[in-house]
C-alpha atoms as a PDB file:
ATOM      1  CA  UNK A   1    -112.254 -77.668 173.030  1.00  0.00           C
ATOM      2  CA  UNK A   2    -114.266 -74.855 174.385  1.00  0.00           C
ATOM      3  CA  UNK A   3    -115.068 -71.392 172.694  1.00  0.00           C
ATOM      4  CA  UNK A   4    -114.437 -68.295 174.779  1.00  0.00           C
ATOM      5  CA  UNK A   5    -115.605 -65.568 172.079  1.00  0.00           C
ATOM      6  CA  UNK A   6    -116.981 -65.554 168.736  1.00  0.00           C
ATOM      7  CA  UNK A   7    -117.576 -62.927 165.939  1.00  0.00           C
ATOM      8  CA  UNK A   8    -119.016 -62.750 162.750  1.00  0.00           C
ATOM      9  CA  UNK A   9    -116.661 -61.508 159.918  1.00  0.00           C
ATOM     10  CA  UNK A  10    -118.545 -61.988 156.628  1.00  0.00           C
ATOM     11  CA  UNK A  11    -122.163 -62.358 155.615  1.00  0.00           C
ATOM     12  CA  UNK A  12    -124.035 -62.533 152.575  1.00  0.00           C
ATOM     13  CA  UNK A  13    -127.413 -63.987 151.717  1.00  0.00           C
ATOM     14  CA  UNK A  14    -125.950 -67.625 151.334  1.00  0.00           C
ATOM     15  CA  UNK A  15    -122.960 -67.801 153.762  1.00  0.00           C
ATOM     16  CA  UNK A  16    -121.890 -66.417 157.271  1.00  0.00           C
ATOM     17  CA  UNK A  17    -118.425 -66.909 158.190  1.00  0.00           C
ATOM     18  CA  UNK A  18    -117.294 -66.639 161.825  1.00  0.00           C
ATOM     19  CA  UNK A  19    -114.145 -66.580 163.949  1.00  0.00           C
ATOM     20  CA  UNK A  20    -113.928 -68.425 167.097  1.00  0.00           C
ATOM     21  CA  UNK A  21    -111.453 -67.915 170.001  1.00  0.00           C
ATOM     22  CA  UNK A  22    -110.892 -71.500 171.327  1.00  0.00           C
ATOM     23  CA  UNK A  23    -109.398 -72.859 174.379  1.00  0.00           C
ATOM     24  CA  UNK A  24    -107.986 -76.489 173.553  1.00  0.00           C
ATOM     25  CA  UNK A  25    -108.030 -79.233 176.067  1.00  0.00           C
ATOM     26  CA  UNK A  26    -104.385 -78.952 176.904  1.00  0.00           C
ATOM     27  CA  UNK A  27    -104.855 -75.053 177.648  1.00  0.00           C
ATOM     28  CA  UNK A  28    -103.420 -73.616 174.514  1.00  0.00           C
ATOM     29  CA  UNK A  29    -105.589 -71.069 172.587  1.00  0.00           C
ATOM     30  CA  UNK A  30    -106.224 -70.736 169.001  1.00  0.00           C
ATOM     31  CA  UNK A  31    -108.578 -68.902 166.259  1.00  0.00           C
ATOM     32  CA  UNK A  32    -110.681 -71.283 164.333  1.00  0.00           C
ATOM     33  CA  UNK A  33    -112.760 -70.203 161.058  1.00  0.00           C
ATOM     34  CA  UNK A  34    -116.282 -71.505 160.766  1.00  0.00           C
ATOM     35  CA  UNK A  35    -118.422 -71.342 157.345  1.00  0.00           C
ATOM     36  CA  UNK A  36    -121.982 -71.557 158.245  1.00  0.00           C
ATOM     37  CA  UNK A  37    -124.340 -72.460 155.337  1.00  0.00           C
ATOM     38  CA  UNK A  38    -127.625 -73.939 155.430  1.00  0.00           C
ATOM     39  CA  UNK A  39    -128.084 -77.608 155.077  1.00  0.00           C
ATOM     40  CA  UNK A  40    -129.423 -79.022 151.708  1.00  0.00           C
ATOM     41  CA  UNK A  41    -130.757 -81.934 149.801  1.00  0.00           C
ATOM     42  CA  UNK A  42    -129.061 -84.260 147.261  1.00  0.00           C
ATOM     43  CA  UNK A  43    -131.234 -86.348 145.251  1.00  0.00           C
ATOM     44  CA  UNK A  44    -130.080 -89.351 143.260  1.00  0.00           C
ATOM     45  CA  UNK A  45    -133.118 -89.695 140.594  1.00  0.00           C
ATOM     46  CA  UNK A  46    -132.654 -93.440 139.401  1.00  0.00           C
ATOM     47  CA  UNK A  47    -134.177 -95.173 136.332  1.00  0.00           C
ATOM     48  CA  UNK A  48    -133.596 -97.650 133.476  1.00  0.00           C
ATOM     49  CA  UNK A  49    -129.917 -98.492 134.948  1.00  0.00           C
ATOM     50  CA  UNK A  50    -128.997 -94.767 135.246  1.00  0.00           C
ATOM     51  CA  UNK A  51    -129.336 -91.517 136.728  1.00  0.00           C
ATOM     52  CA  UNK A  52    -130.774 -88.004 135.889  1.00  0.00           C
ATOM     53  CA  UNK A  53    -127.646 -85.438 136.554  1.00  0.00           C
ATOM     54  CA  UNK A  54    -127.469 -81.819 136.237  1.00  0.00           C
ATOM     55  CA  UNK A  55    -124.530 -79.730 134.966  1.00  0.00           C
ATOM     56  CA  UNK A  56    -124.036 -75.802 135.659  1.00  0.00           C
ATOM     57  CA  UNK A  57    -120.949 -73.581 135.922  1.00  0.00           C
ATOM     58  CA  UNK A  58    -119.548 -73.440 139.418  1.00  0.00           C
ATOM     59  CA  UNK A  59    -117.762 -69.992 140.059  1.00  0.00           C
ATOM     60  CA  UNK A  60    -115.387 -71.036 142.877  1.00  0.00           C
ATOM     61  CA  UNK A  61    -113.856 -73.859 140.446  1.00  0.00           C
ATOM     62  CA  UNK A  62    -114.220 -71.862 137.541  1.00  0.00           C
ATOM     63  CA  UNK A  63    -115.828 -74.816 135.386  1.00  0.00           C
ATOM     64  CA  UNK A  64    -119.197 -76.574 134.708  1.00  0.00           C
ATOM     65  CA  UNK A  65    -119.527 -79.383 136.625  1.00  0.00           C
ATOM     66  CA  UNK A  66    -121.946 -82.461 136.770  1.00  0.00           C
ATOM     67  CA  UNK A  67    -123.484 -83.328 139.935  1.00  0.00           C
ATOM     68  CA  UNK A  68    -126.723 -85.155 141.423  1.00  0.00           C
ATOM     69  CA  UNK A  69    -129.723 -82.463 141.953  1.00  0.00           C
ATOM     70  CA  UNK A  70    -129.195 -80.632 144.948  1.00  0.00           C
ATOM     71  CA  UNK A  71    -130.037 -77.414 146.897  1.00  0.00           C
ATOM     72  CA  UNK A  72    -131.329 -75.660 149.975  1.00  0.00           C
ATOM     73  CA  UNK A  73    -134.499 -73.663 150.528  1.00  0.00           C
ATOM     74  CA  UNK A  74    -134.512 -70.182 148.882  1.00  0.00           C
ATOM     75  CA  UNK A  75    -134.799 -67.509 151.461  1.00  0.00           C
ATOM     76  CA  UNK A  76    -138.196 -67.398 153.454  1.00  0.00           C
ATOM     77  CA  UNK A  77    -138.901 -71.098 152.027  1.00  0.00           C
ATOM     78  CA  UNK A  78    -139.082 -74.056 154.460  1.00  0.00           C
ATOM     79  CA  UNK A  79    -140.317 -77.508 155.048  1.00  0.00           C
ATOM     80  CA  UNK A  80    -139.012 -80.924 155.685  1.00  0.00           C
ATOM     81  CA  UNK A  81    -135.953 -82.498 154.373  1.00  0.00           C
ATOM     82  CA  UNK A  82    -138.371 -84.837 152.036  1.00  0.00           C
ATOM     83  CA  UNK A  83    -139.882 -81.541 150.834  1.00  0.00           C
ATOM     84  CA  UNK A  84    -136.760 -80.025 150.166  1.00  0.00           C
ATOM     85  CA  UNK A  85    -135.712 -83.228 147.918  1.00  0.00           C
ATOM     86  CA  UNK A  86    -138.705 -83.107 146.144  1.00  0.00           C
ATOM     87  CA  UNK A  87    -138.525 -79.360 145.458  1.00  0.00           C
ATOM     88  CA  UNK A  88    -135.061 -79.645 144.348  1.00  0.00           C
ATOM     89  CA  UNK A  89    -135.583 -82.646 141.894  1.00  0.00           C
ATOM     90  CA  UNK A  90    -138.727 -80.888 140.297  1.00  0.00           C
ATOM     91  CA  UNK A  91    -136.960 -77.360 140.383  1.00  0.00           C
ATOM     92  CA  UNK A  92    -133.681 -78.630 138.482  1.00  0.00           C
ATOM     93  CA  UNK A  93    -134.761 -81.572 136.448  1.00  0.00           C
ATOM     94  CA  UNK A  94    -138.712 -81.079 136.154  1.00  0.00           C
ATOM     95  CA  UNK A  95    -138.804 -84.620 137.483  1.00  0.00           C
ATOM     96  CA  UNK A  96    -141.442 -85.627 140.135  1.00  0.00           C
ATOM     97  CA  UNK A  97    -140.779 -88.811 142.019  1.00  0.00           C
ATOM     98  CA  UNK A  98    -143.564 -91.134 143.235  1.00  0.00           C
ATOM     99  CA  UNK A  99    -140.949 -92.607 145.737  1.00  0.00           C
ATOM    100  CA  UNK A 100    -138.468 -90.917 147.607  1.00  0.00           C
ATOM    101  CA  UNK A 101    -136.154 -93.020 150.124  1.00  0.00           C
ATOM    102  CA  UNK A 102    -133.790 -91.693 152.426  1.00  0.00           C
ATOM    103  CA  UNK A 103    -130.271 -93.013 152.076  1.00  0.00           C
ATOM    104  CA  UNK A 104    -128.382 -90.901 154.592  1.00  0.00           C
ATOM    105  CA  UNK A 105    -127.168 -87.869 156.336  1.00  0.00           C
ATOM    106  CA  UNK A 106    -123.652 -86.298 155.933  1.00  0.00           C
ATOM    107  CA  UNK A 107    -121.308 -83.836 156.899  1.00  0.00           C
ATOM    108  CA  UNK A 108    -119.891 -81.627 154.071  1.00  0.00           C
ATOM    109  CA  UNK A 109    -116.695 -80.683 155.556  1.00  0.00           C
ATOM    110  CA  UNK A 110    -116.790 -80.850 159.143  1.00  0.00           C
ATOM    111  CA  UNK A 111    -113.507 -79.272 159.779  1.00  0.00           C
ATOM    112  CA  UNK A 112    -114.563 -76.060 158.179  1.00  0.00           C
ATOM    113  CA  UNK A 113    -118.333 -75.701 157.648  1.00  0.00           C
ATOM    114  CA  UNK A 114    -121.684 -76.350 159.681  1.00  0.00           C
ATOM    115  CA  UNK A 115    -123.133 -77.437 156.618  1.00  0.00           C
ATOM    116  CA  UNK A 116    -124.954 -80.934 156.285  1.00  0.00           C
ATOM    117  CA  UNK A 117    -127.024 -82.744 153.725  1.00  0.00           C
ATOM    118  CA  UNK A 118    -129.549 -85.591 153.201  1.00  0.00           C
ATOM    119  CA  UNK A 119    -129.208 -88.001 150.508  1.00  0.00           C
ATOM    120  CA  UNK A 120    -132.287 -89.446 148.898  1.00  0.00           C
ATOM    121  CA  UNK A 121    -132.969 -91.795 146.366  1.00  0.00           C
ATOM    122  CA  UNK A 122    -135.790 -91.008 143.734  1.00  0.00           C
ATOM    123  CA  UNK A 123    -137.565 -93.615 141.985  1.00  0.00           C
ATOM    124  CA  UNK A 124    -140.861 -93.635 139.759  1.00  0.00           C
ATOM    125  CA  UNK A 125    -139.856 -90.488 137.849  1.00  0.00           C
ATOM    126  CA  UNK A 126    -142.292 -88.561 135.673  1.00  0.00           C
ATOM    127  CA  UNK A 127    -141.456 -85.575 133.854  1.00  0.00           C
ATOM    128  CA  UNK A 128    -142.578 -82.127 134.111  1.00  0.00           C
ATOM    129  CA  UNK A 129    -141.628 -78.528 133.779  1.00  0.00           C
ATOM    130  CA  UNK A 130    -138.406 -77.070 135.429  1.00  0.00           C
ATOM    131  CA  UNK A 131    -138.260 -73.999 137.870  1.00  0.00           C
ATOM    132  CA  UNK A 132    -134.656 -73.009 137.820  1.00  0.00           C
ATOM    133  CA  UNK A 133    -133.469 -70.016 139.890  1.00  0.00           C
ATOM    134  CA  UNK A 134    -131.702 -67.226 137.995  1.00  0.00           C
ATOM    135  CA  UNK A 135    -128.552 -68.689 139.382  1.00  0.00           C
ATOM    136  CA  UNK A 136    -129.278 -71.960 137.525  1.00  0.00           C
ATOM    137  CA  UNK A 137    -130.084 -70.187 134.175  1.00  0.00           C
ATOM    138  CA  UNK A 138    -127.160 -72.247 132.573  1.00  0.00           C
ATOM    139  CA  UNK A 139    -128.305 -75.547 134.087  1.00  0.00           C
ATOM    140  CA  UNK A 140    -128.749 -78.426 132.032  1.00  0.00           C
ATOM    141  CA  UNK A 141    -129.868 -81.869 132.998  1.00  0.00           C
ATOM    142  CA  UNK A 142    -129.459 -85.199 131.277  1.00  0.00           C
ATOM    143  CA  UNK A 143    -129.786 -89.016 131.827  1.00  0.00           C
ATOM    144  CA  UNK A 144    -126.566 -90.948 132.172  1.00  0.00           C
ATOM    145  CA  UNK A 145    -126.491 -94.970 132.267  1.00  0.00           C
ATOM    146  CA  UNK A 146    -124.461 -96.037 135.477  1.00  0.00           C
ATOM    147  CA  UNK A 147    -121.680 -97.644 133.262  1.00  0.00           C
ATOM    148  CA  UNK A 148    -120.906 -93.937 131.842  1.00  0.00           C
ATOM    149  CA  UNK A 149    -121.366 -92.271 135.479  1.00  0.00           C
ATOM    150  CA  UNK A 150    -118.690 -94.867 136.595  1.00  0.00           C
ATOM    151  CA  UNK A 151    -116.207 -94.017 133.505  1.00  0.00           C
ATOM    152  CA  UNK A 152    -116.765 -90.393 134.287  1.00  0.00           C
ATOM    153  CA  UNK A 153    -115.931 -90.955 138.111  1.00  0.00           C
ATOM    154  CA  UNK A 154    -112.890 -92.997 137.018  1.00  0.00           C
ATOM    155  CA  UNK A 155    -111.397 -90.415 134.775  1.00  0.00           C
ATOM    156  CA  UNK A 156    -111.907 -87.300 136.879  1.00  0.00           C
ATOM    157  CA  UNK A 157    -114.961 -86.148 135.086  1.00  0.00           C
ATOM    158  CA  UNK A 158    -117.269 -86.197 137.766  1.00  0.00           C
ATOM    159  CA  UNK A 159    -115.548 -84.565 141.030  1.00  0.00           C
ATOM    160  CA  UNK A 160    -118.495 -82.966 142.892  1.00  0.00           C
ATOM    161  CA  UNK A 161    -117.868 -84.355 146.520  1.00  0.00           C
ATOM    162  CA  UNK A 162    -121.343 -84.564 147.782  1.00  0.00           C
ATOM    163  CA  UNK A 163    -122.556 -86.609 144.757  1.00  0.00           C
ATOM    164  CA  UNK A 164    -119.729 -89.041 144.976  1.00  0.00           C
ATOM    165  CA  UNK A 165    -120.477 -89.494 148.875  1.00  0.00           C
ATOM    166  CA  UNK A 166    -124.387 -89.960 147.773  1.00  0.00           C
ATOM    167  CA  UNK A 167    -123.239 -92.439 145.259  1.00  0.00           C
ATOM    168  CA  UNK A 168    -121.371 -94.270 147.714  1.00  0.00           C
ATOM    169  CA  UNK A 169    -124.430 -94.421 150.057  1.00  0.00           C
ATOM    170  CA  UNK A 170    -126.552 -95.556 147.198  1.00  0.00           C
ATOM    171  CA  UNK A 171    -123.708 -98.626 146.679  1.00  0.00           C
ATOM    172  CA  UNK A 172    -123.893 -99.400 150.307  1.00  0.00           C
ATOM    173  CA  UNK A 173    -127.765 -99.471 149.748  1.00  0.00           C
ATOM    174  CA  UNK A 174    -127.624-101.787 147.211  1.00  0.00           C
ATOM    175  CA  UNK A 175    -125.201-103.947 149.440  1.00  0.00           C
ATOM    176  CA  UNK A 176    -122.282-103.472 147.145  1.00  0.00           C
END
């Protein structure tokens, strides 16, 4: 497949949408909508047979959602993927990690978006102050034992796809 033209159809500070005209391998043409979003870090903060999770209102689905801490750089900020993971963990939970280990790099929705993310395992945690952004003012964080997390997954109470993918990478890392 090759792109013959592309145009921006929407932009805000967090998202850009473009429309590509493509020619497929069989010669047929089509239009492909692509959502461009910055890559992010997802941090599995683990200690004492459980994890630190965050909960916040997610406007697109109209409800509060539990997930692992995750996010991208604020406008104008930058650094390495590890720097981003450390910054997001501290910002959302106040926790600082003595050890941060990379578990993998994943695509969010490759049929729709350019966005990708890195999954990190944070251990050796020490508490500190949060530094949440205005959009995270309603955020709370809580320690959840792993057995409770698994129960939430099974009951449909933990549905964030990147968090579930990160948890799967953790299970693979553990040899399960």
